[in-house]
């Protein structure tokens, strides 16, 4: 593990030198030489190293680099849109220096035109937002101005890819999920204030993706509203993103059925809580809370709901938060079997069921939050929906 740490430390020193000196200054070139040599040494052991920057968390492959928890360049790279950095094959010195120049340009906020950007399809260095790494090139976009219309299309693409990974390979990519949650957090705090960037549903088969993103956003917002710390809110956001992951195993004809479910179909549908918890536990030991939420988010305060508990007990706070957010977004969305409810009707329902279905304090907090923040809600569509 020492090689990736040495490389990133040298990378940071090279970027620091480039901010202080002109490109051809001897001190700058020495720092670049050291960083490049560390990369060569790293690739001699790992020909295709991949790094992911998620705020103050840094992953090498899927392993966290705890020693670099306070590495200052991690948040800077992530903030500049470089969440993933991958070296696909051997890199020459000019390619490495070109990447550093591009990275520094984005970090300091200068404009980079398509013609000026040095990352090309033939470059062995790929960097950008975490997403569909094999299906489309990762190109970093310029940072949008504060008043630019938000879009969660990239995040929606990633969640669809996550669901496909679970469905086809039973793999649960945690790094991508955390990157989506980090992006949602950035979107929420636009212009230094809370926004609720919620996706609108166009087609019923988009529901699983749209609902996962909306519940994640609402859960993070509610967690902040009730006083949770930022790390807690992000963890709850990941749990919200995965709360319905068990539904990837439900046949589409059952999941999107327009009419009433048969008892057998209802049992298949209800089993998504148990299936989701099992998928999470078997794939990612660091997501124990998310597994609990997947299992508990349909259990009512009075013991009703599903799965049926043999002995009544209190559910995790995250499960209570996700439960309220889950019901709100579900009722606010058009479904094959009913029209979407107006927001005020849903809020009245939450208040009515507070103390029986929902934790009363959490339900009341959610109602207050929505009434305060709904004027700042941003209704979004994916690129596919806008083009449809």
Protein backbone atom coordinates (compact mmCIF):
# COMPACT_ATOMS: atom_id res chain seq x y z
CA UNK A 1 0.00 0.00 0.00
CA UNK A 2 3.02 2.33 0.32
CA UNK A 3 3.36 2.91 -3.45
CA UNK A 4 -0.06 4.57 -3.98
CA UNK A 5 0.44 6.72 -0.88
CA UNK A 6 3.89 7.84 -2.04
CA UNK A 7 2.51 8.59 -5.49
CA UNK A 8 -0.37 10.74 -4.22
CA UNK A 9 1.92 12.63 -1.85
CA UNK A 10 4.29 13.33 -4.73
CA UNK A 11 1.34 14.30 -6.93
CA UNK A 12 0.25 16.85 -4.34
CA UNK A 13 3.76 18.25 -4.08
CA UNK A 14 3.92 18.60 -7.86
CA UNK A 15 0.59 20.44 -7.97
CA UNK A 16 1.78 22.73 -5.15
CA UNK A 17 4.99 23.49 -7.04
CA UNK A 18 3.02 24.25 -10.19
CA UNK A 19 0.96 26.83 -8.28
CA UNK A 20 4.13 28.58 -7.06
CA UNK A 21 6.45 28.47 -10.06
CA UNK A 22 6.31 28.82 -13.81
CA UNK A 23 6.05 25.60 -15.78
CA UNK A 24 9.76 25.41 -16.67
CA UNK A 25 11.13 26.51 -13.30
CA UNK A 26 13.70 23.95 -11.99
CA UNK A 27 11.78 23.44 -8.71
CA UNK A 28 8.59 22.71 -10.65
CA UNK A 29 10.34 20.28 -12.97
CA UNK A 30 11.99 18.46 -10.05
CA UNK A 31 8.62 17.96 -8.36
CA UNK A 32 7.15 16.69 -11.63
CA UNK A 33 10.07 14.28 -12.08
CA UNK A 34 9.60 12.85 -8.58
CA UNK A 35 5.84 12.42 -9.05
CA UNK A 36 6.27 10.82 -12.45
CA UNK A 37 8.85 8.36 -11.10
CA UNK A 38 6.46 7.41 -8.29
CA UNK A 39 3.80 6.72 -10.92
CA UNK A 40 6.23 4.54 -12.90
CA UNK A 41 7.08 2.61 -9.73
CA UNK A 42 3.39 2.20 -8.91
CA UNK A 43 2.54 0.95 -12.40
CA UNK A 44 5.34 -1.57 -12.23
CA UNK A 45 3.27 -3.29 -9.53
CA UNK A 46 -0.22 -2.23 -10.63
CA UNK A 47 -0.38 -1.46 -14.38
CA UNK A 48 -3.87 0.09 -14.15
CA UNK A 49 -4.17 1.96 -10.84
CA UNK A 50 -7.46 3.69 -10.09
CA UNK A 51 -8.07 6.36 -7.44
CA UNK A 52 -11.39 7.75 -6.28
CA UNK A 53 -11.69 11.05 -4.39
CA UNK A 54 -14.84 11.47 -2.31
CA UNK A 55 -14.36 14.61 -0.26
CA UNK A 56 -11.85 13.66 2.42
CA UNK A 57 -12.12 9.94 1.58
CA UNK A 58 -9.60 8.47 -0.88
CA UNK A 59 -9.89 5.01 -2.38
CA UNK A 60 -7.21 3.05 -4.20
CA UNK A 61 -9.23 0.55 -6.19
CA UNK A 62 -11.85 -0.30 -3.58
CA UNK A 63 -9.52 0.08 -0.61
CA UNK A 64 -9.59 3.24 1.51
CA UNK A 65 -6.27 5.03 2.09
CA UNK A 66 -6.78 5.94 5.73
CA UNK A 67 -3.29 7.41 5.94
CA UNK A 68 -4.36 10.18 3.54
CA UNK A 69 -7.53 11.16 5.41
CA UNK A 70 -6.30 14.75 5.76
CA UNK A 71 -4.63 14.99 2.31
CA UNK A 72 -5.62 18.47 1.15
CA UNK A 73 -5.68 17.70 -2.56
CA UNK A 74 -8.41 15.06 -2.31
CA UNK A 75 -11.28 17.54 -1.71
CA UNK A 76 -9.74 19.93 -4.27
CA UNK A 77 -9.66 17.30 -6.98
CA UNK A 78 -13.19 16.11 -6.17
CA UNK A 79 -14.43 19.70 -6.10
CA UNK A 80 -12.94 20.26 -9.56
CA UNK A 81 -14.88 17.29 -10.93
CA UNK A 82 -12.01 14.81 -10.73
CA UNK A 83 -13.66 12.15 -8.59
CA UNK A 84 -11.98 9.28 -10.41
CA UNK A 85 -8.44 9.10 -11.74
CA UNK A 86 -7.50 6.01 -13.74
CA UNK A 87 -4.28 5.11 -15.54
CA UNK A 88 -5.23 2.62 -18.26
CA UNK A 89 -1.67 1.78 -19.36
CA UNK A 90 1.88 3.13 -19.19
CA UNK A 91 2.08 6.93 -19.16
CA UNK A 92 4.88 9.02 -20.62
CA UNK A 93 6.27 12.15 -18.98
CA UNK A 94 4.50 14.60 -21.31
CA UNK A 95 1.14 12.92 -20.80
CA UNK A 96 1.57 13.08 -17.05
CA UNK A 97 2.54 16.75 -17.09
CA UNK A 98 -0.41 17.51 -19.39
CA UNK A 99 -2.79 15.84 -16.95
CA UNK A 100 -1.41 17.87 -14.03
CA UNK A 101 -1.78 21.08 -16.02
CA UNK A 102 -5.41 20.26 -16.84
CA UNK A 103 -6.14 19.28 -13.24
CA UNK A 104 -4.62 22.47 -11.86
CA UNK A 105 -6.53 24.59 -14.39
CA UNK A 106 -9.80 23.11 -13.17
CA UNK A 107 -8.85 23.37 -9.51
CA UNK A 108 -8.11 27.08 -9.72
CA UNK A 109 -11.35 27.62 -11.66
CA UNK A 110 -10.05 28.78 -15.02
CA UNK A 111 -12.05 28.12 -18.15
CA UNK A 112 -10.94 25.19 -20.29
CA UNK A 113 -12.26 24.91 -23.84
CA UNK A 114 -12.64 21.63 -25.66
CA UNK A 115 -9.74 22.57 -27.92
CA UNK A 116 -7.50 23.41 -24.97
CA UNK A 117 -8.27 20.32 -22.89
CA UNK A 118 -5.47 17.79 -23.12
CA UNK A 119 -7.52 14.73 -22.14
CA UNK A 120 -8.34 12.83 -25.32
CA UNK A 121 -9.82 9.45 -26.08
CA UNK A 122 -6.29 8.14 -26.79
CA UNK A 123 -4.87 9.35 -23.48
CA UNK A 124 -3.96 6.62 -21.00
CA UNK A 125 -5.06 8.91 -18.17
CA UNK A 126 -8.84 9.02 -17.66
CA UNK A 127 -10.38 11.36 -15.15
CA UNK A 128 -13.76 12.84 -14.36
CA UNK A 129 -16.93 12.17 -12.42
CA UNK A 130 -17.61 8.64 -11.27
CA UNK A 131 -20.02 7.02 -13.71
CA UNK A 132 -20.29 4.51 -16.53
CA UNK A 133 -16.59 3.91 -16.98
CA UNK A 134 -16.90 1.32 -19.75
CA UNK A 135 -19.85 2.78 -21.65
CA UNK A 136 -18.90 6.41 -22.14
CA UNK A 137 -15.73 8.50 -21.83
CA UNK A 138 -15.20 10.38 -18.62
CA UNK A 139 -14.66 14.00 -19.58
CA UNK A 140 -14.67 16.70 -16.97
CA UNK A 141 -17.07 19.52 -17.68
CA UNK A 142 -16.42 23.09 -16.67
CA UNK A 143 -17.89 24.07 -13.34
CA UNK A 144 -21.38 25.52 -13.97
CA UNK A 145 -22.14 29.08 -12.91
CA UNK A 146 -24.26 29.40 -9.72
CA UNK A 147 -27.47 30.18 -11.61
CA UNK A 148 -27.16 27.35 -14.12
CA UNK A 149 -30.02 24.85 -14.16
CA UNK A 150 -29.09 21.75 -12.20
CA UNK A 151 -29.06 18.31 -13.79
CA UNK A 152 -28.80 14.90 -12.18
CA UNK A 153 -28.53 12.98 -15.44
CA UNK A 154 -25.02 11.68 -14.69
CA UNK A 155 -26.12 10.60 -11.23
CA UNK A 156 -29.20 8.87 -12.67
CA UNK A 157 -26.98 7.06 -15.18
CA UNK A 158 -24.74 5.89 -12.36
CA UNK A 159 -27.65 4.62 -10.27
CA UNK A 160 -29.00 2.68 -13.27
CA UNK A 161 -25.54 1.20 -13.70
CA UNK A 162 -25.42 0.33 -9.98
CA UNK A 163 -28.73 -1.49 -10.27
CA UNK A 164 -27.47 -3.36 -13.35
CA UNK A 165 -24.32 -4.39 -11.47
CA UNK A 166 -26.42 -5.76 -8.62
CA UNK A 167 -28.88 -7.46 -10.95
CA UNK A 168 -26.37 -9.09 -13.29
CA UNK A 169 -23.24 -9.59 -11.18
CA UNK A 170 -24.47 -9.25 -7.59
CA UNK A 171 -21.81 -6.54 -7.17
CA UNK A 172 -22.45 -3.45 -5.06
CA UNK A 173 -19.99 -0.67 -6.01
CA UNK A 174 -19.72 1.43 -2.85
CA UNK A 175 -17.36 4.04 -4.29
CA UNK A 176 -19.83 4.96 -7.03
CA UNK A 177 -22.71 5.14 -4.55
CA UNK A 178 -20.75 7.46 -2.25
CA UNK A 179 -19.80 9.63 -5.23
CA UNK A 180 -23.48 9.97 -6.20
CA UNK A 181 -24.36 10.99 -2.64
CA UNK A 182 -21.50 13.50 -2.63
CA UNK A 183 -22.81 15.01 -5.89
CA UNK A 184 -26.32 15.20 -4.44
CA UNK A 185 -24.90 17.01 -1.41
CA UNK A 186 -23.22 19.58 -3.67
CA UNK A 187 -26.47 20.09 -5.60
CA UNK A 188 -28.40 20.54 -2.35
CA UNK A 189 -26.16 23.33 -1.10
CA UNK A 190 -26.16 25.48 -4.20
CA UNK A 191 -25.58 29.18 -3.54
CA UNK A 192 -24.94 28.42 0.15
CA UNK A 193 -28.51 27.37 0.85
CA UNK A 194 -30.45 24.14 0.94
CA UNK A 195 -32.15 23.12 -2.29
CA UNK A 196 -34.19 20.01 -2.91
CA UNK A 197 -33.11 18.80 -6.37
CA UNK A 198 -35.76 16.19 -7.11
CA UNK A 199 -36.06 14.22 -10.34
CA UNK A 200 -39.35 14.08 -12.20
CA UNK A 201 -40.58 10.75 -13.53
CA UNK A 202 -41.21 10.46 -17.26
CA UNK A 203 -41.62 6.72 -17.80
CA UNK A 204 -42.76 4.21 -15.20
CA UNK A 205 -39.69 2.04 -15.78
CA UNK A 206 -37.53 4.94 -14.56
CA UNK A 207 -39.19 4.82 -11.16
CA UNK A 208 -36.59 2.72 -9.33
CA UNK A 209 -33.75 5.06 -10.36
CA UNK A 210 -35.69 8.29 -9.82
CA UNK A 211 -37.07 7.16 -6.46
CA UNK A 212 -33.65 6.09 -5.15
CA UNK A 213 -32.13 9.50 -5.93
CA UNK A 214 -35.07 11.44 -4.50
CA UNK A 215 -35.15 9.43 -1.27
CA UNK A 216 -31.41 9.94 -0.88
CA UNK A 217 -31.76 13.72 -1.31
CA UNK A 218 -34.76 13.96 1.02
CA UNK A 219 -33.08 11.79 3.66
CA UNK A 220 -29.91 13.90 3.67
CA UNK A 221 -31.96 17.08 3.87
CA UNK A 222 -34.06 15.72 6.75
CA UNK A 223 -30.97 14.46 8.57
CA UNK A 224 -29.45 17.95 8.40
CA UNK A 225 -32.76 19.51 9.41
CA UNK A 226 -32.99 17.44 12.61
CA UNK A 227 -29.39 18.20 13.55
CA UNK A 228 -27.35 15.23 12.32
CA UNK A 229 -23.70 15.82 11.48
CA UNK A 230 -22.52 16.02 7.88
CA UNK A 231 -20.95 12.52 7.97
CA UNK A 232 -24.17 11.12 9.44
CA UNK A 233 -26.23 12.83 6.74
CA UNK A 234 -24.02 11.35 4.00
CA UNK A 235 -24.23 7.88 5.53
CA UNK A 236 -28.02 8.22 5.74
CA UNK A 237 -27.99 9.40 2.11
CA UNK A 238 -26.19 6.21 1.03
CA UNK A 239 -28.74 4.18 2.99
CA UNK A 240 -31.53 6.08 1.22
CA UNK A 241 -29.92 5.39 -2.15
CA UNK A 242 -29.84 1.64 -1.41
CA UNK A 243 -33.10 1.31 0.53
CA UNK A 244 -34.95 -0.40 -2.35
CA UNK A 245 -31.97 -2.23 -3.87
CA UNK A 246 -33.79 -5.54 -3.34
CA UNK A 247 -36.28 -4.51 -6.04
CA UNK A 248 -33.73 -5.27 -8.74
CA UNK A 249 -34.71 -8.92 -8.22
CA UNK A 250 -38.44 -8.29 -8.73
CA UNK A 251 -39.77 -9.14 -12.22
CA UNK A 252 -40.68 -6.00 -14.17
CA UNK A 253 -44.21 -7.25 -14.78
CA UNK A 254 -44.74 -7.32 -11.01
CA UNK A 255 -42.82 -4.14 -10.22
CA UNK A 256 -44.72 -2.03 -12.78
CA UNK A 257 -48.08 -3.80 -12.68
CA UNK A 258 -50.94 -1.37 -13.21
CA UNK A 259 -53.57 -3.37 -11.37
CA UNK A 260 -53.87 -4.84 -7.91
CA UNK A 261 -51.20 -7.36 -6.98
CA UNK A 262 -52.17 -10.93 -6.27
CA UNK A 263 -51.24 -12.32 -2.82
CA UNK A 264 -48.30 -14.13 -4.41
CA UNK A 265 -47.14 -10.95 -6.20
CA UNK A 266 -47.54 -8.93 -3.00
CA UNK A 267 -45.28 -11.40 -1.19
CA UNK A 268 -42.67 -11.06 -3.93
CA UNK A 269 -42.88 -7.27 -3.66
CA UNK A 270 -42.69 -7.22 0.13
CA UNK A 271 -39.68 -9.52 0.12
CA UNK A 272 -37.54 -6.76 -1.40
CA UNK A 273 -36.67 -5.60 2.13
CA UNK A 274 -35.16 -8.94 3.12
CA UNK A 275 -33.53 -9.39 -0.28
CA UNK A 276 -32.05 -5.90 -0.18
CA UNK A 277 -30.52 -6.42 3.25
CA UNK A 278 -29.05 -9.73 2.10
CA UNK A 279 -27.52 -8.19 -1.04
CA UNK A 280 -25.89 -5.39 0.95
CA UNK A 281 -24.54 -7.61 3.73
CA UNK A 282 -23.08 -10.14 1.30
CA UNK A 283 -21.33 -7.47 -0.78
CA UNK A 284 -20.15 -4.68 1.51
CA UNK A 285 -19.28 -5.04 5.20
CA UNK A 286 -19.03 -1.27 5.65
CA UNK A 287 -22.72 -0.83 4.82
CA UNK A 288 -24.21 -2.51 7.87
CA UNK A 289 -26.44 0.50 8.57
CA UNK A 290 -27.66 0.57 4.96
CA UNK A 291 -28.53 -3.13 5.29
CA UNK A 292 -30.55 -2.36 8.42
CA UNK A 293 -32.40 0.44 6.59
CA UNK A 294 -33.13 -1.81 3.59
CA UNK A 295 -34.65 -4.33 6.02
CA UNK A 296 -36.56 -1.90 8.28
CA UNK A 297 -37.81 0.96 6.10
CA UNK A 298 -41.35 -0.49 5.75
CA UNK A 299 -41.78 -1.35 9.44
CA UNK A 300 -44.32 0.93 11.13
CA UNK A 301 -43.94 2.47 14.54
CA UNK A 302 -46.84 0.38 15.88
CA UNK A 303 -45.25 -2.85 14.63
CA UNK A 304 -47.23 -3.10 11.40
CA UNK A 305 -45.77 -3.11 7.93
CA UNK A 306 -43.22 -5.64 6.76
CA UNK A 307 -41.21 -7.74 7.33
CA UNK A 308 -43.14 -8.90 10.40
CA UNK A 309 -41.07 -8.72 13.56
CA UNK A 310 -41.36 -11.63 15.98
CA UNK A 311 -40.77 -9.21 18.85
CA UNK A 312 -41.57 -5.51 18.59
CA UNK A 313 -38.54 -3.25 18.84
CA UNK A 314 -37.46 0.24 17.92
CA UNK A 315 -36.02 0.75 14.45
CA UNK A 316 -32.78 2.56 13.64
CA UNK A 317 -33.03 6.36 13.35
CA UNK A 318 -31.91 6.14 9.72
CA UNK A 319 -34.75 3.69 8.99
CA UNK A 320 -37.26 6.13 10.48
CA UNK A 321 -35.92 8.98 8.37
CA UNK A 322 -35.90 6.92 5.17
CA UNK A 323 -39.41 5.59 5.90
CA UNK A 324 -40.92 9.10 5.90
CA UNK A 325 -38.95 10.21 2.83
CA UNK A 326 -39.80 6.98 1.00
CA UNK A 327 -43.54 7.39 1.52
CA UNK A 328 -43.48 11.09 0.62
CA UNK A 329 -41.70 10.56 -2.70
CA UNK A 330 -43.76 7.46 -3.55
CA UNK A 331 -47.06 9.26 -3.03
CA UNK A 332 -45.85 12.37 -4.90
CA UNK A 333 -45.01 10.27 -7.99
CA UNK A 334 -47.32 9.05 -10.75
CA UNK A 335 -47.54 5.27 -10.66
CA UNK A 336 -49.24 2.83 -13.07
CA UNK A 337 -52.07 2.26 -10.59
CA UNK A 338 -52.70 5.85 -9.37
CA UNK A 339 -52.01 9.53 -9.97
CA UNK A 340 -49.50 11.44 -7.88
CA UNK A 341 -50.87 13.13 -4.76
CA UNK A 342 -50.47 16.88 -4.25
CA UNK A 343 -47.77 17.74 -1.73
CA UNK A 344 -50.18 19.09 0.87
CA UNK A 345 -52.26 15.91 0.77
CA UNK A 346 -49.13 13.83 1.38
CA UNK A 347 -48.05 16.06 4.27
CA UNK A 348 -51.50 15.73 5.82
CA UNK A 349 -51.22 11.95 5.51
CA UNK A 350 -47.83 11.98 7.26
CA UNK A 351 -49.28 14.06 10.10
CA UNK A 352 -52.29 11.77 10.36
CA UNK A 353 -50.11 8.66 10.61
CA UNK A 354 -47.53 10.21 12.96
CA UNK A 355 -47.41 8.08 16.09
CA UNK A 356 -48.72 4.93 14.42
CA UNK A 357 -46.89 4.44 11.12
CA UNK A 358 -44.20 7.09 11.52
CA UNK A 359 -42.06 8.36 14.38
CA UNK A 360 -44.03 11.49 15.41
CA UNK A 361 -41.05 13.80 15.88
CA UNK A 362 -39.46 12.78 12.59
CA UNK A 363 -42.75 13.05 10.71
CA UNK A 364 -43.47 16.52 12.10
CA UNK A 365 -39.90 17.63 11.34
CA UNK A 366 -40.28 16.41 7.76
CA UNK A 367 -43.56 18.28 7.32
CA UNK A 368 -42.00 21.50 8.65
CA UNK A 369 -38.95 21.04 6.44
CA UNK A 370 -40.97 20.55 3.26
CA UNK A 371 -43.19 23.55 3.99
CA UNK A 372 -40.13 25.70 4.63
CA UNK A 373 -37.99 24.42 1.76
CA UNK A 374 -40.51 23.44 -0.91
CA UNK A 375 -40.32 26.91 -2.51
CA UNK A 376 -36.66 26.08 -3.10
CA UNK A 377 -37.33 22.65 -4.60
CA UNK A 378 -35.83 22.19 -8.05
CA UNK A 379 -37.78 19.86 -10.34
CA UNK A 380 -35.33 18.15 -12.67
CA UNK A 381 -35.48 15.79 -15.61
CA UNK A 382 -32.84 13.43 -16.91
CA UNK A 383 -31.47 14.02 -20.40
CA UNK A 384 -33.59 11.10 -21.66
CA UNK A 385 -36.73 12.66 -20.22
CA UNK A 386 -36.03 16.05 -21.77
CA UNK A 387 -35.43 14.42 -25.14
CA UNK A 388 -38.52 12.20 -24.94
